[in-house]
Amino acid sequence: MLSDAVRLLLFPAMMAFAASSDLFTMTISNRVSLVLVAGFFALAFWVGMSPNDVLSHVGAAFAVLAVTFCFFARGWIGGGDAKLAAATALWLGFDHLMAYLLYASIFGGVLTLLMIRFRLMPLPAMLAEQEWVKRLHKLDGGVPYGIALAAAALMIYPDTIWMKLGL
């Protein structure tokens, strides 16, 4: 069934794409967030999610967007990270939002520590020629936080309503 393919593949695939894109380019395309938003509304309509539940999920997304926009304005995260976190919150809703934010914080902290350690090490010759590796290795470079956001989302996703629909 089409709804099964969407709920099983779309969200995980978009998370994997966002993480890999952030790793290799330090950007997360707006298309990823737009696909996630469109996929949520299509799936919510398809499975008959109640308007109240849809509004609750939208509220979670707007709450995350408001906070992450402030983080973006202060230069703490990138714009793609802010939009990805909000689009993810749309799928997870308030039921799973705190767990998602906790995992994202933990994974983000570990990722940041790993990036600091990586930047203090000399690059092997075979990696020194790779542009994406050089970008990650710069001491003043950012952290591809989309990796942490995607990992957290994939940790939470099996517990969501979308995965319980098939049971």
N, C-alpha and C. Protein backbone atom coordinates (compact mmCIF):
# COMPACT_ATOMS: atom_id res chain seq x y z
N MET A 1 0.84 -1.17 0.00
CA MET A 1 0.00 0.00 0.00
C MET A 1 0.89 1.24 0.00
N LEU A 2 0.44 2.29 -0.66
CA LEU A 2 1.22 3.52 -0.80
C LEU A 2 1.49 4.18 0.53
N SER A 3 0.50 4.21 1.42
CA SER A 3 0.71 4.85 2.72
C SER A 3 1.79 4.12 3.52
N ASP A 4 1.86 2.80 3.38
CA ASP A 4 2.91 2.04 4.06
C ASP A 4 4.29 2.42 3.54
N ALA A 5 4.40 2.56 2.23
CA ALA A 5 5.68 2.96 1.64
C ALA A 5 6.09 4.35 2.12
N VAL A 6 5.13 5.27 2.18
CA VAL A 6 5.44 6.64 2.63
C VAL A 6 5.87 6.64 4.08
N ARG A 7 5.12 5.98 4.94
CA ARG A 7 5.44 6.03 6.37
C ARG A 7 6.71 5.26 6.71
N LEU A 8 7.03 4.23 5.94
CA LEU A 8 8.21 3.43 6.21
C LEU A 8 9.48 3.99 5.57
N LEU A 9 9.34 4.70 4.46
CA LEU A 9 10.51 5.11 3.69
C LEU A 9 10.78 6.61 3.68
N LEU A 10 9.74 7.42 3.57
CA LEU A 10 9.95 8.85 3.34
C LEU A 10 10.72 9.52 4.48
N PHE A 11 10.23 9.40 5.69
CA PHE A 11 10.87 10.07 6.82
C PHE A 11 12.30 9.57 7.03
N PRO A 12 12.54 8.25 7.11
CA PRO A 12 13.92 7.80 7.28
C PRO A 12 14.84 8.21 6.12
N ALA A 13 14.34 8.16 4.91
CA ALA A 13 15.17 8.54 3.76
C ALA A 13 15.52 10.02 3.80
N MET A 14 14.59 10.85 4.15
CA MET A 14 14.86 12.29 4.23
C MET A 14 15.84 12.60 5.36
N MET A 15 15.74 11.88 6.47
CA MET A 15 16.69 12.07 7.57
C MET A 15 18.10 11.66 7.14
N ALA A 16 18.20 10.52 6.48
CA ALA A 16 19.52 10.07 6.00
C ALA A 16 20.10 11.05 4.99
N PHE A 17 19.25 11.55 4.10
CA PHE A 17 19.72 12.51 3.11
C PHE A 17 20.18 13.81 3.77
N ALA A 18 19.41 14.29 4.73
CA ALA A 18 19.77 15.53 5.43
C ALA A 18 21.11 15.38 6.15
N ALA A 19 21.29 14.25 6.82
CA ALA A 19 22.55 14.02 7.56
C ALA A 19 23.74 13.95 6.60
N SER A 20 23.59 13.20 5.53
CA SER A 20 24.71 13.06 4.59
C SER A 20 24.98 14.38 3.87
N SER A 21 23.94 15.10 3.53
CA SER A 21 24.11 16.40 2.89
C SER A 21 24.85 17.37 3.81
N ASP A 22 24.48 17.39 5.08
CA ASP A 22 25.14 18.27 6.04
C ASP A 22 26.60 17.86 6.23
N LEU A 23 26.87 16.57 6.24
CA LEU A 23 28.24 16.10 6.39
C LEU A 23 29.11 16.54 5.22
N PHE A 24 28.62 16.35 4.00
CA PHE A 24 29.43 16.61 2.83
C PHE A 24 29.44 18.06 2.37
N THR A 25 28.38 18.81 2.65
CA THR A 25 28.29 20.18 2.13
C THR A 25 28.06 21.24 3.19
N MET A 26 27.78 20.83 4.42
CA MET A 26 27.42 21.76 5.50
C MET A 26 26.16 22.55 5.17
N THR A 27 25.29 21.97 4.36
CA THR A 27 24.00 22.59 4.05
C THR A 27 22.93 21.50 4.04
N ILE A 28 21.72 21.93 4.38
CA ILE A 28 20.55 21.06 4.27
C ILE A 28 19.56 21.81 3.39
N SER A 29 19.25 21.25 2.27
CA SER A 29 18.38 21.90 1.29
C SER A 29 16.99 22.15 1.87
N ASN A 30 16.40 23.27 1.47
CA ASN A 30 15.02 23.56 1.85
C ASN A 30 14.08 22.48 1.34
N ARG A 31 14.46 21.83 0.26
CA ARG A 31 13.61 20.78 -0.31
C ARG A 31 13.39 19.63 0.67
N VAL A 32 14.39 19.34 1.49
CA VAL A 32 14.24 18.26 2.47
C VAL A 32 13.11 18.60 3.43
N SER A 33 13.12 19.81 3.96
CA SER A 33 12.05 20.22 4.89
C SER A 33 10.71 20.28 4.19
N LEU A 34 10.69 20.77 2.96
CA LEU A 34 9.43 20.85 2.22
C LEU A 34 8.86 19.46 1.93
N VAL A 35 9.71 18.52 1.58
CA VAL A 35 9.25 17.14 1.33
C VAL A 35 8.71 16.54 2.62
N LEU A 36 9.38 16.80 3.74
CA LEU A 36 8.90 16.28 5.02
C LEU A 36 7.55 16.88 5.39
N VAL A 37 7.38 18.18 5.19
CA VAL A 37 6.10 18.83 5.51
C VAL A 37 5.00 18.29 4.61
N ALA A 38 5.26 18.23 3.32
CA ALA A 38 4.25 17.72 2.38
C ALA A 38 3.92 16.26 2.68
N GLY A 39 4.95 15.47 2.98
CA GLY A 39 4.73 14.06 3.30
C GLY A 39 3.90 13.88 4.55
N PHE A 40 4.14 14.73 5.56
CA PHE A 40 3.35 14.64 6.78
C PHE A 40 1.87 14.89 6.48
N PHE A 41 1.58 15.99 5.77
CA PHE A 41 0.18 16.32 5.51
C PHE A 41 -0.50 15.28 4.62
N ALA A 42 0.23 14.78 3.64
CA ALA A 42 -0.34 13.74 2.77
C ALA A 42 -0.65 12.48 3.58
N LEU A 43 0.29 12.08 4.42
CA LEU A 43 0.09 10.86 5.21
C LEU A 43 -1.00 11.07 6.27
N ALA A 44 -1.01 12.23 6.90
CA ALA A 44 -2.04 12.52 7.90
C ALA A 44 -3.43 12.45 7.27
N PHE A 45 -3.57 13.01 6.07
CA PHE A 45 -4.85 12.95 5.36
C PHE A 45 -5.18 11.51 5.00
N TRP A 46 -4.19 10.79 4.49
CA TRP A 46 -4.38 9.43 4.01
C TRP A 46 -4.85 8.49 5.12
N VAL A 47 -4.27 8.64 6.32
CA VAL A 47 -4.63 7.74 7.42
C VAL A 47 -5.80 8.27 8.25
N GLY A 48 -6.29 9.45 7.92
CA GLY A 48 -7.44 10.00 8.63
C GLY A 48 -7.12 10.57 10.00
N MET A 49 -5.95 11.19 10.13
CA MET A 49 -5.59 11.81 11.41
C MET A 49 -6.59 12.92 11.72
N SER A 50 -7.02 13.00 12.95
CA SER A 50 -8.02 14.01 13.33
C SER A 50 -7.45 15.41 13.20
N PRO A 51 -8.30 16.39 12.91
CA PRO A 51 -7.83 17.78 12.82
C PRO A 51 -7.13 18.26 14.10
N ASN A 52 -7.62 17.82 15.25
CA ASN A 52 -6.97 18.21 16.51
C ASN A 52 -5.55 17.65 16.60
N ASP A 53 -5.37 16.41 16.18
CA ASP A 53 -4.04 15.81 16.19
C ASP A 53 -3.11 16.52 15.20
N VAL A 54 -3.64 16.84 14.03
CA VAL A 54 -2.84 17.57 13.04
C VAL A 54 -2.41 18.92 13.61
N LEU A 55 -3.34 19.64 14.24
CA LEU A 55 -3.01 20.93 14.83
C LEU A 55 -1.98 20.79 15.96
N SER A 56 -2.06 19.73 16.70
CA SER A 56 -1.07 19.49 17.76
C SER A 56 0.32 19.30 17.16
N HIS A 57 0.41 18.53 16.09
CA HIS A 57 1.69 18.32 15.42
C HIS A 57 2.21 19.64 14.83
N VAL A 58 1.31 20.42 14.25
CA VAL A 58 1.69 21.72 13.70
C VAL A 58 2.18 22.63 14.82
N GLY A 59 1.53 22.58 15.97
CA GLY A 59 1.97 23.37 17.12
C GLY A 59 3.37 22.99 17.57
N ALA A 60 3.67 21.70 17.57
CA ALA A 60 5.01 21.25 17.93
C ALA A 60 6.04 21.80 16.94
N ALA A 61 5.69 21.76 15.66
CA ALA A 61 6.60 22.27 14.64
C ALA A 61 6.84 23.77 14.81
N PHE A 62 5.79 24.53 15.06
CA PHE A 62 5.95 25.98 15.23
C PHE A 62 6.72 26.31 16.50
N ALA A 63 6.52 25.55 17.55
CA ALA A 63 7.27 25.79 18.79
C ALA A 63 8.77 25.57 18.55
N VAL A 64 9.10 24.49 17.86
CA VAL A 64 10.51 24.21 17.56
C VAL A 64 11.06 25.25 16.60
N LEU A 65 10.28 25.65 15.61
CA LEU A 65 10.75 26.66 14.66
C LEU A 65 11.04 27.99 15.36
N ALA A 66 10.19 28.37 16.31
CA ALA A 66 10.41 29.63 17.03
C ALA A 66 11.72 29.58 17.81
N VAL A 67 11.97 28.50 18.50
CA VAL A 67 13.19 28.38 19.29
C VAL A 67 14.42 28.28 18.39
N THR A 68 14.34 27.44 17.36
CA THR A 68 15.50 27.26 16.49
C THR A 68 15.77 28.51 15.65
N PHE A 69 14.74 29.30 15.35
CA PHE A 69 14.98 30.56 14.65
C PHE A 69 15.79 31.50 15.53
N CYS A 70 15.51 31.51 16.81
CA CYS A 70 16.31 32.32 17.74
C CYS A 70 17.75 31.81 17.78
N PHE A 71 17.92 30.50 17.79
CA PHE A 71 19.27 29.93 17.76
C PHE A 71 19.99 30.33 16.48
N PHE A 72 19.28 30.29 15.36
CA PHE A 72 19.86 30.69 14.08
C PHE A 72 20.24 32.17 14.10
N ALA A 73 19.36 32.99 14.62
CA ALA A 73 19.63 34.43 14.67
C ALA A 73 20.88 34.74 15.50
N ARG A 74 21.15 33.93 16.50
CA ARG A 74 22.34 34.13 17.34
C ARG A 74 23.58 33.45 16.76
N GLY A 75 23.42 32.73 15.65
CA GLY A 75 24.55 32.08 15.01
C GLY A 75 24.94 30.76 15.62
N TRP A 76 24.06 30.19 16.42
CA TRP A 76 24.37 28.93 17.08
C TRP A 76 24.14 27.72 16.19
N ILE A 77 23.18 27.81 15.28
CA ILE A 77 22.89 26.72 14.34
C ILE A 77 22.63 27.32 12.96
N GLY A 78 22.65 26.48 11.96
CA GLY A 78 22.37 26.93 10.61
C GLY A 78 20.87 26.96 10.33
N GLY A 79 20.50 27.66 9.29
CA GLY A 79 19.10 27.75 8.91
C GLY A 79 18.51 26.41 8.50
N GLY A 80 19.31 25.59 7.82
CA GLY A 80 18.83 24.26 7.44
C GLY A 80 18.55 23.39 8.66
N ASP A 81 19.40 23.52 9.68
CA ASP A 81 19.18 22.78 10.92
C ASP A 81 17.87 23.20 11.58
N ALA A 82 17.61 24.50 11.60
CA ALA A 82 16.38 25.01 12.22
C ALA A 82 15.15 24.48 11.50
N LYS A 83 15.19 24.50 10.18
CA LYS A 83 14.03 24.03 9.40
C LYS A 83 13.87 22.52 9.52
N LEU A 84 15.00 21.79 9.52
CA LEU A 84 14.92 20.34 9.66
C LEU A 84 14.34 19.96 11.02
N ALA A 85 14.77 20.63 12.07
CA ALA A 85 14.24 20.33 13.41
C ALA A 85 12.74 20.58 13.47
N ALA A 86 12.28 21.67 12.86
CA ALA A 86 10.85 21.97 12.87
C ALA A 86 10.06 20.96 12.05
N ALA A 87 10.57 20.59 10.88
CA ALA A 87 9.88 19.60 10.04
C ALA A 87 9.85 18.24 10.74
N THR A 88 10.90 17.92 11.47
CA THR A 88 10.93 16.68 12.23
C THR A 88 9.90 16.72 13.35
N ALA A 89 9.82 17.85 14.05
CA ALA A 89 8.84 18.00 15.13
C ALA A 89 7.41 17.84 14.59
N LEU A 90 7.18 18.26 13.35
CA LEU A 90 5.86 18.09 12.75
C LEU A 90 5.50 16.61 12.69
N TRP A 91 6.44 15.77 12.32
CA TRP A 91 6.19 14.33 12.24
C TRP A 91 6.06 13.70 13.62
N LEU A 92 6.83 14.19 14.59
CA LEU A 92 6.87 13.55 15.91
C LEU A 92 5.78 14.05 16.85
N GLY A 93 5.39 15.30 16.71
CA GLY A 93 4.38 15.87 17.60
C GLY A 93 4.89 16.05 19.02
N PHE A 94 4.03 16.60 19.86
CA PHE A 94 4.42 16.85 21.25
C PHE A 94 4.68 15.56 22.03
N ASP A 95 4.04 14.46 21.60
CA ASP A 95 4.22 13.19 22.31
C ASP A 95 5.68 12.75 22.37
N HIS A 96 6.44 13.04 21.33
CA HIS A 96 7.82 12.57 21.24
C HIS A 96 8.83 13.71 21.18
N LEU A 97 8.36 14.92 21.35
CA LEU A 97 9.23 16.08 21.17
C LEU A 97 10.34 16.15 22.21
N MET A 98 10.04 15.94 23.46
CA MET A 98 11.07 16.05 24.50
C MET A 98 12.14 14.97 24.33
N ALA A 99 11.74 13.77 24.00
CA ALA A 99 12.72 12.70 23.77
C ALA A 99 13.61 13.05 22.58
N TYR A 100 12.99 13.58 21.52
CA TYR A 100 13.76 13.99 20.35
C TYR A 100 14.77 15.07 20.71
N LEU A 101 14.34 16.07 21.43
CA LEU A 101 15.25 17.16 21.79
C LEU A 101 16.36 16.66 22.71
N LEU A 102 16.04 15.74 23.60
CA LEU A 102 17.07 15.19 24.48
C LEU A 102 18.10 14.40 23.68
N TYR A 103 17.64 13.51 22.80
CA TYR A 103 18.57 12.75 21.97
C TYR A 103 19.39 13.68 21.07
N ALA A 104 18.75 14.68 20.48
CA ALA A 104 19.47 15.62 19.61
C ALA A 104 20.55 16.37 20.39
N SER A 105 20.26 16.73 21.63
CA SER A 105 21.25 17.41 22.47
C SER A 105 22.42 16.50 22.79
N ILE A 106 22.12 15.28 23.17
CA ILE A 106 23.19 14.33 23.51
C ILE A 106 24.03 14.01 22.28
N PHE A 107 23.37 13.67 21.18
CA PHE A 107 24.11 13.34 19.95
C PHE A 107 24.88 14.55 19.45
N GLY A 108 24.29 15.74 19.57
CA GLY A 108 24.98 16.96 19.15
C GLY A 108 26.21 17.24 19.99
N GLY A 109 26.12 17.00 21.29
CA GLY A 109 27.28 17.18 22.16
C GLY A 109 28.39 16.21 21.83
N VAL A 110 28.03 14.95 21.61
CA VAL A 110 29.03 13.95 21.25
C VAL A 110 29.64 14.30 19.89
N LEU A 111 28.82 14.69 18.95
CA LEU A 111 29.31 15.07 17.62
C LEU A 111 30.27 16.26 17.72
N THR A 112 29.93 17.23 18.52
CA THR A 112 30.79 18.40 18.69
C THR A 112 32.14 18.01 19.30
N LEU A 113 32.12 17.15 20.31
CA LEU A 113 33.38 16.69 20.91
C LEU A 113 34.22 15.90 19.89
N LEU A 114 33.56 15.07 19.10
CA LEU A 114 34.28 14.33 18.06
C LEU A 114 34.87 15.27 17.01
N MET A 115 34.14 16.32 16.66
CA MET A 115 34.63 17.29 15.68
C MET A 115 35.85 18.04 16.24
N ILE A 116 35.81 18.40 17.51
CA ILE A 116 36.95 19.07 18.13
C ILE A 116 38.17 18.16 18.09
N ARG A 117 37.97 16.91 18.46
CA ARG A 117 39.08 15.94 18.44
C ARG A 117 39.61 15.75 17.03
N PHE A 118 38.71 15.61 16.07
CA PHE A 118 39.09 15.43 14.67
C PHE A 118 39.91 16.62 14.17
N ARG A 119 39.53 17.81 14.55
CA ARG A 119 40.22 19.02 14.09
C ARG A 119 41.60 19.19 14.72
N LEU A 120 41.85 18.51 15.80
CA LEU A 120 43.16 18.59 16.44
C LEU A 120 44.14 17.56 15.87
N MET A 121 43.64 16.61 15.13
CA MET A 121 44.47 15.57 14.54
C MET A 121 44.94 16.00 13.16
N PRO A 122 46.14 15.59 12.76
CA PRO A 122 46.56 15.86 11.37
C PRO A 122 45.76 14.98 10.41
N LEU A 123 45.47 15.54 9.25
CA LEU A 123 44.74 14.76 8.24
C LEU A 123 45.67 13.80 7.52
N PRO A 124 45.26 12.56 7.35
CA PRO A 124 46.04 11.64 6.51
C PRO A 124 46.07 12.17 5.07
N ALA A 125 47.13 11.88 4.36
CA ALA A 125 47.32 12.40 3.00
C ALA A 125 46.14 12.07 2.08
N MET A 126 45.60 10.86 2.21
CA MET A 126 44.51 10.47 1.30
C MET A 126 43.23 11.28 1.57
N LEU A 127 43.03 11.79 2.78
CA LEU A 127 41.86 12.60 3.08
C LEU A 127 42.12 14.09 2.88
N ALA A 128 43.37 14.50 2.91
CA ALA A 128 43.71 15.92 2.82
C ALA A 128 43.31 16.54 1.49
N GLU A 129 43.07 15.73 0.49
CA GLU A 129 42.68 16.24 -0.83
C GLU A 129 41.17 16.35 -1.01
N GLN A 130 40.41 15.83 -0.07
CA GLN A 130 38.95 15.86 -0.17
C GLN A 130 38.42 17.20 0.37
N GLU A 131 37.71 17.93 -0.46
CA GLU A 131 37.22 19.26 -0.06
C GLU A 131 36.31 19.18 1.16
N TRP A 132 35.42 18.20 1.19
CA TRP A 132 34.48 18.12 2.32
C TRP A 132 35.21 17.80 3.61
N VAL A 133 36.28 17.02 3.53
CA VAL A 133 37.06 16.70 4.73
C VAL A 133 37.83 17.93 5.19
N LYS A 134 38.41 18.67 4.25
CA LYS A 134 39.12 19.91 4.61
C LYS A 134 38.18 20.91 5.26
N ARG A 135 36.94 20.98 4.76
CA ARG A 135 35.95 21.90 5.34
C ARG A 135 35.62 21.49 6.77
N LEU A 136 35.46 20.21 7.01
CA LEU A 136 35.17 19.73 8.36
C LEU A 136 36.36 19.91 9.30
N HIS A 137 37.55 19.88 8.75
CA HIS A 137 38.77 19.92 9.56
C HIS A 137 39.17 21.34 9.97
N LYS A 138 38.60 22.35 9.35
CA LYS A 138 38.95 23.74 9.68
C LYS A 138 38.62 24.02 11.14
N LEU A 139 39.59 24.59 11.86
CA LEU A 139 39.41 24.85 13.28
C LEU A 139 38.22 25.76 13.58
N ASP A 140 37.96 26.70 12.68
CA ASP A 140 36.85 27.63 12.91
C ASP A 140 35.57 27.20 12.17
N GLY A 141 35.54 25.96 11.69
CA GLY A 141 34.38 25.47 10.96
C GLY A 141 33.22 25.13 11.87
N GLY A 142 32.07 25.01 11.28
CA GLY A 142 30.87 24.65 12.02
C GLY A 142 30.78 23.15 12.27
N VAL A 143 29.73 22.77 12.92
CA VAL A 143 29.45 21.36 13.20
C VAL A 143 28.24 20.96 12.36
N PRO A 144 28.33 19.88 11.61
CA PRO A 144 27.18 19.44 10.81
C PRO A 144 26.09 18.85 11.72
N TYR A 145 25.38 19.73 12.40
CA TYR A 145 24.42 19.33 13.42
C TYR A 145 23.24 18.55 12.85
N GLY A 146 23.04 18.64 11.55
CA GLY A 146 21.98 17.86 10.92
C GLY A 146 22.16 16.36 11.16
N ILE A 147 23.39 15.94 11.36
CA ILE A 147 23.66 14.53 11.65
C ILE A 147 23.02 14.16 12.98
N ALA A 148 23.21 15.00 13.99
CA ALA A 148 22.63 14.74 15.31
C ALA A 148 21.11 14.80 15.26
N LEU A 149 20.58 15.78 14.53
CA LEU A 149 19.12 15.91 14.42
C LEU A 149 18.52 14.68 13.75
N ALA A 150 19.17 14.22 12.69
CA ALA A 150 18.65 13.05 11.97
C ALA A 150 18.78 11.78 12.81
N ALA A 151 19.90 11.62 13.49
CA ALA A 151 20.08 10.43 14.33
C ALA A 151 19.04 10.40 15.44
N ALA A 152 18.79 11.54 16.06
CA ALA A 152 17.78 11.61 17.12
C ALA A 152 16.39 11.27 16.56
N ALA A 153 16.08 11.81 15.40
CA ALA A 153 14.78 11.53 14.79
C ALA A 153 14.61 10.05 14.50
N LEU A 154 15.67 9.43 14.01
CA LEU A 154 15.59 8.00 13.68
C LEU A 154 15.53 7.12 14.94
N MET A 155 16.05 7.62 16.05
CA MET A 155 15.92 6.89 17.32
C MET A 155 14.46 6.90 17.81
N ILE A 156 13.78 8.01 17.59
CA ILE A 156 12.43 8.21 18.10
C ILE A 156 11.37 7.62 17.15
N TYR A 157 11.64 7.67 15.87
CA TYR A 157 10.63 7.32 14.87
C TYR A 157 9.95 5.97 15.09
N PRO A 158 10.66 4.91 15.48
CA PRO A 158 9.97 3.62 15.68
C PRO A 158 8.88 3.66 16.75
N ASP A 159 8.92 4.63 17.66
CA ASP A 159 7.92 4.73 18.71
C ASP A 159 6.73 5.62 18.35
N THR A 160 6.74 6.20 17.16
CA THR A 160 5.69 7.14 16.78
C THR A 160 4.44 6.43 16.26
N ILE A 161 3.40 7.22 16.13
CA ILE A 161 2.14 6.69 15.61
C ILE A 161 2.31 6.14 14.19
N TRP A 162 3.24 6.73 13.44
CA TRP A 162 3.42 6.31 12.05
C TRP A 162 3.88 4.86 11.96
N MET A 163 4.67 4.43 12.91
CA MET A 163 5.14 3.05 12.89
C MET A 163 4.15 2.10 13.56
N LYS A 164 3.29 2.63 14.39
CA LYS A 164 2.29 1.79 15.06
C LYS A 164 1.05 1.57 14.19
N LEU A 165 0.93 2.31 13.10
CA LEU A 165 -0.23 2.16 12.22
C LEU A 165 -0.33 0.76 11.61
N GLY A 166 0.81 0.17 11.33
CA GLY A 166 0.81 -1.13 10.68
C GLY A 166 0.58 -2.30 11.63
N LEU A 167 0.56 -2.04 12.92
CA LEU A 167 0.42 -3.14 13.88
C LEU A 167 -1.02 -3.59 14.02
